Amino acid sequence: MKSAANIVNNVKASYTVAVMGVLGVFAFVSAVLIAWPALAYLGAKMFN
């Protein structure tokens, strides 16, 4: 019974890591897309 509990805990941990990874990627992409106009403006000011 102990090994079954370990398997369940491993699955829960893996699921948690996968969900946090997907949410992290989503947050990063959202932040870049939201900040894109400001980044483009600053880039244009720096190179022109």
Protein backbone atom coordinates (compact mmCIF):
# COMPACT_ATOMS: atom_id res chain seq x y z
CA MET A 1 0.00 0.00 0.00
CA LYS A 2 2.93 2.29 0.67
CA SER A 3 4.11 2.17 -2.94
CA ALA A 4 0.62 3.04 -4.22
CA ALA A 5 0.63 6.14 -2.04
CA ASN A 6 4.07 7.05 -3.37
CA ILE A 7 2.85 6.69 -6.95
CA VAL A 8 -0.13 8.95 -6.24
CA ASN A 9 2.14 11.54 -4.62
CA ASN A 10 4.50 11.43 -7.60
CA VAL A 11 1.61 11.92 -10.03
CA LYS A 12 0.29 14.85 -7.99
CA ALA A 13 3.73 16.45 -7.89
CA SER A 14 4.25 15.97 -11.62
CA TYR A 15 0.82 17.40 -12.39
CA THR A 16 1.50 20.41 -10.17
CA VAL A 17 4.85 21.07 -11.84
CA ALA A 18 3.29 20.74 -15.31
CA VAL A 19 0.43 23.14 -14.49
CA MET A 20 2.81 25.68 -12.95
CA GLY A 21 5.05 25.45 -16.00
CA VAL A 22 2.18 26.07 -18.40
CA LEU A 23 0.91 28.98 -16.33
CA GLY A 24 4.43 30.40 -16.16
CA VAL A 25 4.80 30.30 -19.93
CA PHE A 26 1.37 31.90 -20.31
CA ALA A 27 2.32 34.67 -17.86
CA PHE A 28 5.60 35.34 -19.67
CA VAL A 29 3.94 35.51 -23.10
CA SER A 30 1.17 37.74 -21.74
CA ALA A 31 3.68 40.11 -20.15
CA VAL A 32 5.66 40.40 -23.38
CA LEU A 33 2.54 41.01 -25.46
CA ILE A 34 1.24 43.63 -23.04
CA ALA A 35 4.60 45.42 -22.85
CA TRP A 36 5.33 45.17 -26.59
CA PRO A 37 4.27 48.74 -27.55
CA ALA A 38 6.44 50.22 -24.81
CA LEU A 39 9.38 48.01 -25.74
CA ALA A 40 9.04 48.93 -29.40
CA TYR A 41 8.88 52.63 -28.53
CA LEU A 42 11.97 52.44 -26.32
CA GLY A 43 13.82 50.44 -28.96
CA ALA A 44 12.98 53.00 -31.62
CA LYS A 45 14.15 55.83 -29.36
CA MET A 46 17.44 54.06 -28.65
CA PHE A 47 18.35 53.23 -32.25
CA ASN A 48 17.09 56.39 -34.00
